[in-house]
Amino acid sequence: MSAEHVDGPDDAPVTLIIYGDYECPDTRVAHVALQRVRPRLGDTLRYVYRHFPLRTIHPHAQHAAEAAELADAEEKFWEMHVQLFKHQHELEDADLVRYATELGIDEIRARDALRTHAYAERVEADVRSGLALGVHGTPTMFINGVRYTGARDARALEAALRGASAQSPA
């Protein structure tokens, strides 16, 4: 299990950090846009995903984040990450267990992890880091440490990421 969920090289000129919620429709919009943009940016982008479940308005977000952490323990975080956004309206515990078993995770282990909140502290660590940075909603994005407040569509996101890459020291 990793401390952070990182995709891309450590020495990439651009780091995008997203604080997200698997049940949040706006986070899903950003996720879909990023899926379109990432292949075009290649090794210039380091993507970091952090959990920020909005528990009061998204009742399934906490368990979805815990399911992602369960998958991370099996080195399948990104596969679960994609599944959770793909099936954003199907996040009941039975759904989460099904996604885990489809990834090869033992069903009993998945059920127990959700029942006991085995990965709740890992999710909470992300929430605390977000709160320390002033995160209150999702998605909240940072590009090279600077909060990004622009549009979440692919075109705007790609332009912002390319702009940050151009400003990055060589």
N, C-alpha and C. Protein backbone atom coordinates (compact mmCIF):
# COMPACT_ATOMS: atom_id res chain seq x y z
N MET A 1 0.86 -1.18 0.00
CA MET A 1 0.00 0.00 0.00
C MET A 1 0.89 1.23 0.00
N SER A 2 0.60 2.13 -0.91
CA SER A 2 1.42 3.33 -1.01
C SER A 2 0.86 4.44 -0.14
N ALA A 3 1.74 5.38 0.19
CA ALA A 3 1.30 6.53 0.97
C ALA A 3 0.49 7.49 0.10
N GLU A 4 0.83 7.55 -1.17
CA GLU A 4 0.12 8.42 -2.10
C GLU A 4 -0.23 7.63 -3.34
N HIS A 5 -1.22 8.10 -4.04
CA HIS A 5 -1.64 7.47 -5.29
C HIS A 5 -1.10 8.33 -6.42
N VAL A 6 -0.02 7.88 -7.02
CA VAL A 6 0.71 8.66 -8.00
C VAL A 6 0.80 7.88 -9.30
N ASP A 7 0.52 8.58 -10.39
CA ASP A 7 0.71 8.02 -11.71
C ASP A 7 1.53 9.02 -12.51
N GLY A 8 2.64 8.60 -12.98
CA GLY A 8 3.54 9.48 -13.73
C GLY A 8 4.87 9.58 -13.04
N PRO A 9 5.87 10.05 -13.76
CA PRO A 9 7.23 10.09 -13.22
C PRO A 9 7.40 11.14 -12.12
N ASP A 10 8.24 10.80 -11.14
CA ASP A 10 8.52 11.73 -10.04
C ASP A 10 9.15 13.03 -10.53
N ASP A 11 9.87 12.97 -11.65
CA ASP A 11 10.56 14.16 -12.14
C ASP A 11 9.78 14.90 -13.24
N ALA A 12 8.49 14.59 -13.36
CA ALA A 12 7.67 15.29 -14.35
C ALA A 12 7.65 16.78 -14.04
N PRO A 13 7.63 17.63 -15.06
CA PRO A 13 7.62 19.07 -14.81
C PRO A 13 6.30 19.58 -14.22
N VAL A 14 5.24 18.79 -14.33
CA VAL A 14 3.94 19.21 -13.81
C VAL A 14 3.39 18.14 -12.88
N THR A 15 2.96 18.56 -11.70
CA THR A 15 2.26 17.68 -10.78
C THR A 15 0.86 18.22 -10.58
N LEU A 16 -0.11 17.37 -10.86
CA LEU A 16 -1.52 17.69 -10.64
C LEU A 16 -1.99 16.86 -9.46
N ILE A 17 -2.47 17.54 -8.44
CA ILE A 17 -3.05 16.87 -7.28
C ILE A 17 -4.54 17.15 -7.31
N ILE A 18 -5.32 16.10 -7.23
CA ILE A 18 -6.78 16.24 -7.16
C ILE A 18 -7.28 15.64 -5.86
N TYR A 19 -8.01 16.45 -5.11
CA TYR A 19 -8.77 15.96 -3.96
C TYR A 19 -10.16 15.65 -4.50
N GLY A 20 -10.56 14.39 -4.43
CA GLY A 20 -11.81 14.00 -5.04
C GLY A 20 -12.68 13.11 -4.18
N ASP A 21 -13.88 12.91 -4.68
CA ASP A 21 -14.93 12.14 -4.02
C ASP A 21 -15.57 11.29 -5.11
N TYR A 22 -15.57 9.98 -4.91
CA TYR A 22 -16.06 9.08 -5.95
C TYR A 22 -17.55 9.23 -6.26
N GLU A 23 -18.29 9.84 -5.37
CA GLU A 23 -19.72 10.03 -5.60
C GLU A 23 -20.05 11.42 -6.14
N CYS A 24 -19.05 12.27 -6.23
CA CYS A 24 -19.25 13.66 -6.65
C CYS A 24 -19.30 13.74 -8.18
N PRO A 25 -20.40 14.25 -8.74
CA PRO A 25 -20.47 14.37 -10.20
C PRO A 25 -19.41 15.30 -10.78
N ASP A 26 -19.03 16.35 -10.07
CA ASP A 26 -18.01 17.26 -10.57
C ASP A 26 -16.62 16.60 -10.58
N THR A 27 -16.36 15.76 -9.59
CA THR A 27 -15.09 15.03 -9.59
C THR A 27 -15.06 14.07 -10.77
N ARG A 28 -16.19 13.46 -11.07
CA ARG A 28 -16.24 12.56 -12.23
C ARG A 28 -15.97 13.32 -13.53
N VAL A 29 -16.51 14.52 -13.66
CA VAL A 29 -16.25 15.34 -14.85
C VAL A 29 -14.75 15.58 -14.98
N ALA A 30 -14.10 15.94 -13.88
CA ALA A 30 -12.65 16.17 -13.91
C ALA A 30 -11.91 14.87 -14.25
N HIS A 31 -12.37 13.75 -13.71
CA HIS A 31 -11.75 12.45 -13.99
C HIS A 31 -11.83 12.12 -15.48
N VAL A 32 -13.00 12.30 -16.07
CA VAL A 32 -13.19 12.01 -17.50
C VAL A 32 -12.30 12.94 -18.34
N ALA A 33 -12.26 14.21 -17.99
CA ALA A 33 -11.41 15.15 -18.72
C ALA A 33 -9.95 14.74 -18.61
N LEU A 34 -9.53 14.37 -17.42
CA LEU A 34 -8.15 13.98 -17.21
C LEU A 34 -7.80 12.71 -17.98
N GLN A 35 -8.74 11.78 -18.08
CA GLN A 35 -8.49 10.57 -18.87
C GLN A 35 -8.22 10.92 -20.33
N ARG A 36 -8.87 11.94 -20.83
CA ARG A 36 -8.64 12.37 -22.22
C ARG A 36 -7.30 13.09 -22.37
N VAL A 37 -6.91 13.86 -21.36
CA VAL A 37 -5.73 14.70 -21.43
C VAL A 37 -4.43 13.94 -21.14
N ARG A 38 -4.46 13.04 -20.21
CA ARG A 38 -3.23 12.38 -19.76
C ARG A 38 -2.43 11.74 -20.88
N PRO A 39 -3.04 11.01 -21.80
CA PRO A 39 -2.21 10.40 -22.86
C PRO A 39 -1.48 11.44 -23.71
N ARG A 40 -2.07 12.61 -23.86
CA ARG A 40 -1.45 13.65 -24.68
C ARG A 40 -0.28 14.33 -23.96
N LEU A 41 -0.28 14.26 -22.65
CA LEU A 41 0.78 14.91 -21.88
C LEU A 41 1.94 13.97 -21.57
N GLY A 42 1.70 12.68 -21.63
CA GLY A 42 2.77 11.70 -21.42
C GLY A 42 3.52 11.90 -20.13
N ASP A 43 4.84 11.81 -20.22
CA ASP A 43 5.70 11.88 -19.05
C ASP A 43 5.88 13.28 -18.48
N THR A 44 5.19 14.26 -19.05
CA THR A 44 5.28 15.61 -18.50
C THR A 44 4.34 15.80 -17.31
N LEU A 45 3.48 14.80 -17.04
CA LEU A 45 2.49 14.93 -15.98
C LEU A 45 2.65 13.86 -14.92
N ARG A 46 2.66 14.31 -13.70
CA ARG A 46 2.60 13.44 -12.52
C ARG A 46 1.25 13.72 -11.88
N TYR A 47 0.42 12.69 -11.79
CA TYR A 47 -0.95 12.83 -11.28
C TYR A 47 -1.04 12.19 -9.91
N VAL A 48 -1.56 12.94 -8.95
CA VAL A 48 -1.73 12.46 -7.58
C VAL A 48 -3.20 12.57 -7.22
N TYR A 49 -3.80 11.47 -6.78
CA TYR A 49 -5.19 11.48 -6.35
C TYR A 49 -5.23 11.34 -4.83
N ARG A 50 -6.03 12.20 -4.20
CA ARG A 50 -6.23 12.14 -2.75
C ARG A 50 -7.73 12.12 -2.47
N HIS A 51 -8.09 11.36 -1.47
CA HIS A 51 -9.50 11.21 -1.09
C HIS A 51 -9.99 12.42 -0.31
N PHE A 52 -11.20 12.84 -0.61
CA PHE A 52 -11.88 13.88 0.15
C PHE A 52 -13.38 13.61 0.09
N PRO A 53 -13.82 12.49 0.71
CA PRO A 53 -15.25 12.16 0.63
C PRO A 53 -16.10 13.19 1.36
N LEU A 54 -17.10 13.69 0.67
CA LEU A 54 -18.04 14.65 1.26
C LEU A 54 -19.17 13.85 1.90
N ARG A 55 -18.90 13.36 3.08
CA ARG A 55 -19.76 12.37 3.74
C ARG A 55 -21.18 12.85 3.99
N THR A 56 -21.35 14.14 4.24
CA THR A 56 -22.69 14.62 4.58
C THR A 56 -23.62 14.65 3.37
N ILE A 57 -23.07 14.80 2.17
CA ILE A 57 -23.93 14.85 0.99
C ILE A 57 -23.77 13.64 0.07
N HIS A 58 -22.71 12.87 0.26
CA HIS A 58 -22.47 11.68 -0.55
C HIS A 58 -22.30 10.47 0.37
N PRO A 59 -23.38 9.80 0.69
CA PRO A 59 -23.35 8.73 1.69
C PRO A 59 -22.49 7.52 1.33
N HIS A 60 -22.14 7.35 0.05
CA HIS A 60 -21.34 6.19 -0.36
C HIS A 60 -19.86 6.53 -0.56
N ALA A 61 -19.52 7.79 -0.47
CA ALA A 61 -18.17 8.24 -0.81
C ALA A 61 -17.10 7.67 0.12
N GLN A 62 -17.39 7.60 1.39
CA GLN A 62 -16.40 7.08 2.35
C GLN A 62 -16.07 5.62 2.04
N HIS A 63 -17.08 4.79 1.90
CA HIS A 63 -16.82 3.38 1.62
C HIS A 63 -16.18 3.19 0.25
N ALA A 64 -16.53 4.01 -0.71
CA ALA A 64 -15.89 3.92 -2.02
C ALA A 64 -14.40 4.22 -1.89
N ALA A 65 -14.06 5.24 -1.12
CA ALA A 65 -12.64 5.56 -0.90
C ALA A 65 -11.94 4.42 -0.17
N GLU A 66 -12.61 3.83 0.80
CA GLU A 66 -12.03 2.69 1.52
C GLU A 66 -11.84 1.50 0.57
N ALA A 67 -12.76 1.30 -0.35
CA ALA A 67 -12.62 0.22 -1.34
C ALA A 67 -11.42 0.49 -2.24
N ALA A 68 -11.19 1.74 -2.59
CA ALA A 68 -10.01 2.08 -3.39
C ALA A 68 -8.73 1.77 -2.62
N GLU A 69 -8.75 2.02 -1.33
CA GLU A 69 -7.59 1.71 -0.49
C GLU A 69 -7.39 0.19 -0.35
N LEU A 70 -8.47 -0.53 -0.24
CA LEU A 70 -8.38 -2.00 -0.25
C LEU A 70 -7.70 -2.46 -1.53
N ALA A 71 -8.12 -1.91 -2.65
CA ALA A 71 -7.51 -2.27 -3.94
C ALA A 71 -6.04 -1.85 -3.97
N ASP A 72 -5.72 -0.72 -3.36
CA ASP A 72 -4.33 -0.28 -3.32
C ASP A 72 -3.46 -1.30 -2.60
N ALA A 73 -3.99 -1.90 -1.55
CA ALA A 73 -3.24 -2.92 -0.81
C ALA A 73 -2.89 -4.11 -1.70
N GLU A 74 -3.65 -4.27 -2.78
CA GLU A 74 -3.41 -5.35 -3.75
C GLU A 74 -2.74 -4.80 -5.02
N GLU A 75 -2.24 -3.55 -4.94
CA GLU A 75 -1.61 -2.87 -6.07
C GLU A 75 -2.56 -2.72 -7.26
N LYS A 76 -3.82 -2.45 -6.95
CA LYS A 76 -4.83 -2.28 -7.99
C LYS A 76 -5.64 -1.00 -7.80
N PHE A 77 -4.99 -0.01 -7.19
CA PHE A 77 -5.69 1.24 -6.92
C PHE A 77 -6.27 1.85 -8.18
N TRP A 78 -5.45 2.03 -9.22
CA TRP A 78 -5.90 2.76 -10.41
C TRP A 78 -7.01 2.02 -11.13
N GLU A 79 -6.98 0.69 -11.11
CA GLU A 79 -8.06 -0.08 -11.73
C GLU A 79 -9.37 0.15 -10.98
N MET A 80 -9.31 0.15 -9.63
CA MET A 80 -10.51 0.40 -8.84
C MET A 80 -10.96 1.85 -9.02
N HIS A 81 -10.04 2.77 -9.05
CA HIS A 81 -10.32 4.19 -9.25
C HIS A 81 -11.19 4.39 -10.50
N VAL A 82 -10.79 3.76 -11.59
CA VAL A 82 -11.54 3.87 -12.84
C VAL A 82 -12.93 3.24 -12.69
N GLN A 83 -13.00 2.08 -12.06
CA GLN A 83 -14.29 1.41 -11.86
C GLN A 83 -15.25 2.27 -11.05
N LEU A 84 -14.75 2.88 -10.00
CA LEU A 84 -15.62 3.68 -9.13
C LEU A 84 -16.21 4.87 -9.85
N PHE A 85 -15.43 5.52 -10.68
CA PHE A 85 -15.99 6.63 -11.45
C PHE A 85 -16.89 6.13 -12.58
N LYS A 86 -16.53 5.03 -13.18
CA LYS A 86 -17.34 4.46 -14.26
C LYS A 86 -18.73 4.08 -13.75
N HIS A 87 -18.78 3.60 -12.53
CA HIS A 87 -20.05 3.14 -11.93
C HIS A 87 -20.44 4.04 -10.76
N GLN A 88 -20.34 5.33 -10.95
CA GLN A 88 -20.55 6.28 -9.87
C GLN A 88 -21.92 6.17 -9.19
N HIS A 89 -22.91 5.69 -9.90
CA HIS A 89 -24.25 5.58 -9.32
C HIS A 89 -24.52 4.19 -8.76
N GLU A 90 -23.47 3.38 -8.70
CA GLU A 90 -23.58 2.02 -8.14
C GLU A 90 -22.45 1.84 -7.14
N LEU A 91 -22.62 2.45 -5.96
CA LEU A 91 -21.57 2.43 -4.95
C LEU A 91 -22.04 1.85 -3.61
N GLU A 92 -23.06 1.01 -3.66
CA GLU A 92 -23.46 0.30 -2.44
C GLU A 92 -22.33 -0.68 -2.08
N ASP A 93 -22.31 -1.12 -0.84
CA ASP A 93 -21.25 -2.05 -0.42
C ASP A 93 -21.19 -3.29 -1.30
N ALA A 94 -22.34 -3.83 -1.68
CA ALA A 94 -22.35 -5.02 -2.55
C ALA A 94 -21.68 -4.71 -3.89
N ASP A 95 -21.88 -3.52 -4.40
CA ASP A 95 -21.22 -3.12 -5.65
C ASP A 95 -19.71 -3.03 -5.46
N LEU A 96 -19.30 -2.42 -4.35
CA LEU A 96 -17.87 -2.26 -4.08
C LEU A 96 -17.18 -3.61 -3.94
N VAL A 97 -17.85 -4.54 -3.28
CA VAL A 97 -17.30 -5.90 -3.14
C VAL A 97 -17.20 -6.56 -4.51
N ARG A 98 -18.21 -6.37 -5.34
CA ARG A 98 -18.18 -6.95 -6.68
C ARG A 98 -17.01 -6.39 -7.49
N TYR A 99 -16.79 -5.08 -7.43
CA TYR A 99 -15.67 -4.49 -8.16
C TYR A 99 -14.35 -5.07 -7.65
N ALA A 100 -14.25 -5.22 -6.33
CA ALA A 100 -13.02 -5.78 -5.75
C ALA A 100 -12.79 -7.21 -6.25
N THR A 101 -13.83 -8.02 -6.23
CA THR A 101 -13.65 -9.41 -6.66
C THR A 101 -13.34 -9.48 -8.16
N GLU A 102 -13.90 -8.57 -8.94
CA GLU A 102 -13.57 -8.52 -10.37
C GLU A 102 -12.09 -8.19 -10.59
N LEU A 103 -11.49 -7.53 -9.62
CA LEU A 103 -10.06 -7.22 -9.70
C LEU A 103 -9.19 -8.32 -9.08
N GLY A 104 -9.84 -9.39 -8.62
CA GLY A 104 -9.09 -10.51 -8.06
C GLY A 104 -8.89 -10.45 -6.56
N ILE A 105 -9.60 -9.56 -5.89
CA ILE A 105 -9.49 -9.45 -4.44
C ILE A 105 -10.50 -10.40 -3.80
N ASP A 106 -10.07 -11.08 -2.77
CA ASP A 106 -10.91 -12.05 -2.09
C ASP A 106 -12.19 -11.39 -1.57
N GLU A 107 -13.33 -12.01 -1.85
CA GLU A 107 -14.62 -11.44 -1.46
C GLU A 107 -14.76 -11.26 0.04
N ILE A 108 -14.35 -12.26 0.80
CA ILE A 108 -14.47 -12.16 2.27
C ILE A 108 -13.59 -11.04 2.79
N ARG A 109 -12.40 -10.93 2.25
CA ARG A 109 -11.49 -9.85 2.66
C ARG A 109 -12.11 -8.49 2.35
N ALA A 110 -12.72 -8.37 1.18
CA ALA A 110 -13.34 -7.10 0.79
C ALA A 110 -14.51 -6.76 1.72
N ARG A 111 -15.36 -7.73 1.99
CA ARG A 111 -16.50 -7.48 2.90
C ARG A 111 -16.02 -7.07 4.28
N ASP A 112 -15.02 -7.80 4.78
CA ASP A 112 -14.49 -7.50 6.12
C ASP A 112 -13.86 -6.11 6.17
N ALA A 113 -13.13 -5.75 5.13
CA ALA A 113 -12.48 -4.44 5.11
C ALA A 113 -13.50 -3.31 5.17
N LEU A 114 -14.60 -3.46 4.43
CA LEU A 114 -15.64 -2.43 4.45
C LEU A 114 -16.39 -2.43 5.78
N ARG A 115 -16.69 -3.61 6.30
CA ARG A 115 -17.42 -3.72 7.56
C ARG A 115 -16.65 -3.12 8.72
N THR A 116 -15.33 -3.36 8.75
CA THR A 116 -14.51 -2.90 9.87
C THR A 116 -13.86 -1.54 9.64
N HIS A 117 -14.08 -0.99 8.46
CA HIS A 117 -13.44 0.29 8.10
C HIS A 117 -11.91 0.18 8.20
N ALA A 118 -11.38 -0.91 7.70
CA ALA A 118 -9.95 -1.20 7.80
C ALA A 118 -9.08 -0.11 7.18
N TYR A 119 -9.61 0.61 6.20
CA TYR A 119 -8.81 1.62 5.51
C TYR A 119 -9.29 3.05 5.77
N ALA A 120 -10.14 3.21 6.76
CA ALA A 120 -10.69 4.53 7.07
C ALA A 120 -9.60 5.53 7.47
N GLU A 121 -8.62 5.09 8.21
CA GLU A 121 -7.57 6.00 8.66
C GLU A 121 -6.75 6.51 7.47
N ARG A 122 -6.52 5.68 6.48
CA ARG A 122 -5.78 6.11 5.29
C ARG A 122 -6.56 7.19 4.54
N VAL A 123 -7.87 7.00 4.44
CA VAL A 123 -8.73 8.00 3.80
C VAL A 123 -8.70 9.29 4.62
N GLU A 124 -8.79 9.14 5.92
CA GLU A 124 -8.81 10.31 6.80
C GLU A 124 -7.51 11.10 6.71
N ALA A 125 -6.39 10.44 6.48
CA ALA A 125 -5.11 11.15 6.32
C ALA A 125 -5.18 12.08 5.11
N ASP A 126 -5.80 11.63 4.03
CA ASP A 126 -5.97 12.50 2.87
C ASP A 126 -6.88 13.68 3.20
N VAL A 127 -7.96 13.40 3.91
CA VAL A 127 -8.90 14.47 4.28
C VAL A 127 -8.18 15.53 5.12
N ARG A 128 -7.40 15.09 6.09
CA ARG A 128 -6.65 16.04 6.94
C ARG A 128 -5.68 16.88 6.10
N SER A 129 -5.00 16.24 5.15
CA SER A 129 -4.06 17.01 4.32
C SER A 129 -4.82 18.03 3.48
N GLY A 130 -6.00 17.65 3.00
CA GLY A 130 -6.82 18.58 2.23
C GLY A 130 -7.29 19.75 3.07
N LEU A 131 -7.77 19.46 4.26
CA LEU A 131 -8.22 20.54 5.15
C LEU A 131 -7.09 21.51 5.45
N ALA A 132 -5.88 20.98 5.62
CA ALA A 132 -4.73 21.83 5.89
C ALA A 132 -4.42 22.76 4.71
N LEU A 133 -4.82 22.36 3.52
CA LEU A 133 -4.61 23.18 2.32
C LEU A 133 -5.82 24.05 1.97
N GLY A 134 -6.85 24.00 2.82
CA GLY A 134 -8.04 24.81 2.57
C GLY A 134 -9.07 24.16 1.67
N VAL A 135 -8.98 22.85 1.48
CA VAL A 135 -9.95 22.14 0.65
C VAL A 135 -11.26 22.03 1.42
N HIS A 136 -12.36 22.37 0.74
CA HIS A 136 -13.68 22.25 1.35
C HIS A 136 -14.66 21.52 0.45
N GLY A 137 -14.34 21.39 -0.82
CA GLY A 137 -15.23 20.74 -1.77
C GLY A 137 -14.42 19.95 -2.79
N THR A 138 -15.16 19.27 -3.65
CA THR A 138 -14.49 18.45 -4.66
C THR A 138 -15.06 18.75 -6.03
N PRO A 139 -14.24 18.60 -7.04
CA PRO A 139 -12.80 18.35 -6.91
C PRO A 139 -12.06 19.65 -6.61
N THR A 140 -11.02 19.53 -5.83
CA THR A 140 -10.10 20.64 -5.63
C THR A 140 -8.78 20.20 -6.23
N MET A 141 -8.25 21.05 -7.12
CA MET A 141 -7.03 20.70 -7.86
C MET A 141 -5.92 21.69 -7.57
N PHE A 142 -4.71 21.14 -7.58
CA PHE A 142 -3.51 21.95 -7.45
C PHE A 142 -2.57 21.57 -8.58
N ILE A 143 -2.08 22.55 -9.31
CA ILE A 143 -1.11 22.33 -10.37
C ILE A 143 0.20 22.95 -9.91
N ASN A 144 1.19 22.09 -9.72
CA ASN A 144 2.49 22.51 -9.19
C ASN A 144 2.34 23.35 -7.92
N GLY A 145 1.44 22.90 -7.06
CA GLY A 145 1.25 23.53 -5.76
C GLY A 145 0.33 24.73 -5.75
N VAL A 146 -0.16 25.15 -6.90
CA VAL A 146 -1.04 26.32 -6.99
C VAL A 146 -2.46 25.83 -7.24
N ARG A 147 -3.38 26.32 -6.44
CA ARG A 147 -4.78 25.92 -6.60
C ARG A 147 -5.29 26.31 -7.99
N TYR A 148 -5.90 25.34 -8.67
CA TYR A 148 -6.46 25.56 -10.00
C TYR A 148 -7.96 25.78 -9.84
N THR A 149 -8.44 26.91 -10.35
CA THR A 149 -9.87 27.23 -10.21
C THR A 149 -10.56 27.36 -11.56
N GLY A 150 -9.88 26.97 -12.62
CA GLY A 150 -10.44 27.09 -13.96
C GLY A 150 -11.46 25.99 -14.25
N ALA A 151 -11.89 25.97 -15.49
CA ALA A 151 -12.88 24.99 -15.94
C ALA A 151 -12.30 23.58 -15.83
N ARG A 152 -13.21 22.61 -15.73
CA ARG A 152 -12.79 21.22 -15.55
C ARG A 152 -12.89 20.40 -16.82
N ASP A 153 -13.21 21.04 -17.94
CA ASP A 153 -13.29 20.29 -19.19
C ASP A 153 -11.88 19.99 -19.69
N ALA A 154 -11.78 19.05 -20.62
CA ALA A 154 -10.48 18.59 -21.11
C ALA A 154 -9.65 19.71 -21.71
N ARG A 155 -10.27 20.55 -22.51
CA ARG A 155 -9.52 21.62 -23.18
C ARG A 155 -8.90 22.58 -22.17
N ALA A 156 -9.69 23.05 -21.22
CA ALA A 156 -9.18 24.00 -20.23
C ALA A 156 -8.13 23.36 -19.33
N LEU A 157 -8.38 22.13 -18.93
CA LEU A 157 -7.43 21.44 -18.06
C LEU A 157 -6.10 21.21 -18.79
N GLU A 158 -6.18 20.78 -20.03
CA GLU A 158 -4.95 20.56 -20.81
C GLU A 158 -4.18 21.87 -20.99
N ALA A 159 -4.88 22.95 -21.28
CA ALA A 159 -4.21 24.24 -21.45
C ALA A 159 -3.49 24.66 -20.16
N ALA A 160 -4.14 24.46 -19.03
CA ALA A 160 -3.53 24.83 -17.75
C ALA A 160 -2.31 23.97 -17.46
N LEU A 161 -2.41 22.68 -17.74
CA LEU A 161 -1.29 21.78 -17.49
C LEU A 161 -0.12 22.07 -18.43
N ARG A 162 -0.43 22.34 -19.69
CA ARG A 162 0.64 22.69 -20.66
C ARG A 162 1.28 24.03 -20.28
N GLY A 163 0.47 24.96 -19.81
CA GLY A 163 1.01 26.24 -19.37
C GLY A 163 1.94 26.09 -18.19
N ALA A 164 1.57 25.22 -17.27
CA ALA A 164 2.45 24.97 -16.11
C ALA A 164 3.74 24.29 -16.54
N SER A 165 3.64 23.43 -17.54
CA SER A 165 4.83 22.74 -18.05
C SER A 165 5.78 23.74 -18.70
N ALA A 166 5.22 24.69 -19.44
CA ALA A 166 6.05 25.70 -20.10
C ALA A 166 6.74 26.61 -19.10
N GLN A 167 6.12 26.81 -17.93
CA GLN A 167 6.70 27.68 -16.89
C GLN A 167 7.67 26.93 -16.01
N SER A 168 7.65 25.60 -16.08
CA SER A 168 8.51 24.79 -15.21
C SER A 168 9.97 24.94 -15.62
N PRO A 169 10.87 25.06 -14.65
CA PRO A 169 12.29 25.16 -15.00
C PRO A 169 12.77 23.90 -15.70
N ALA A 170 13.62 24.06 -16.67
CA ALA A 170 14.13 22.93 -17.45
C ALA A 170 15.16 22.15 -16.68
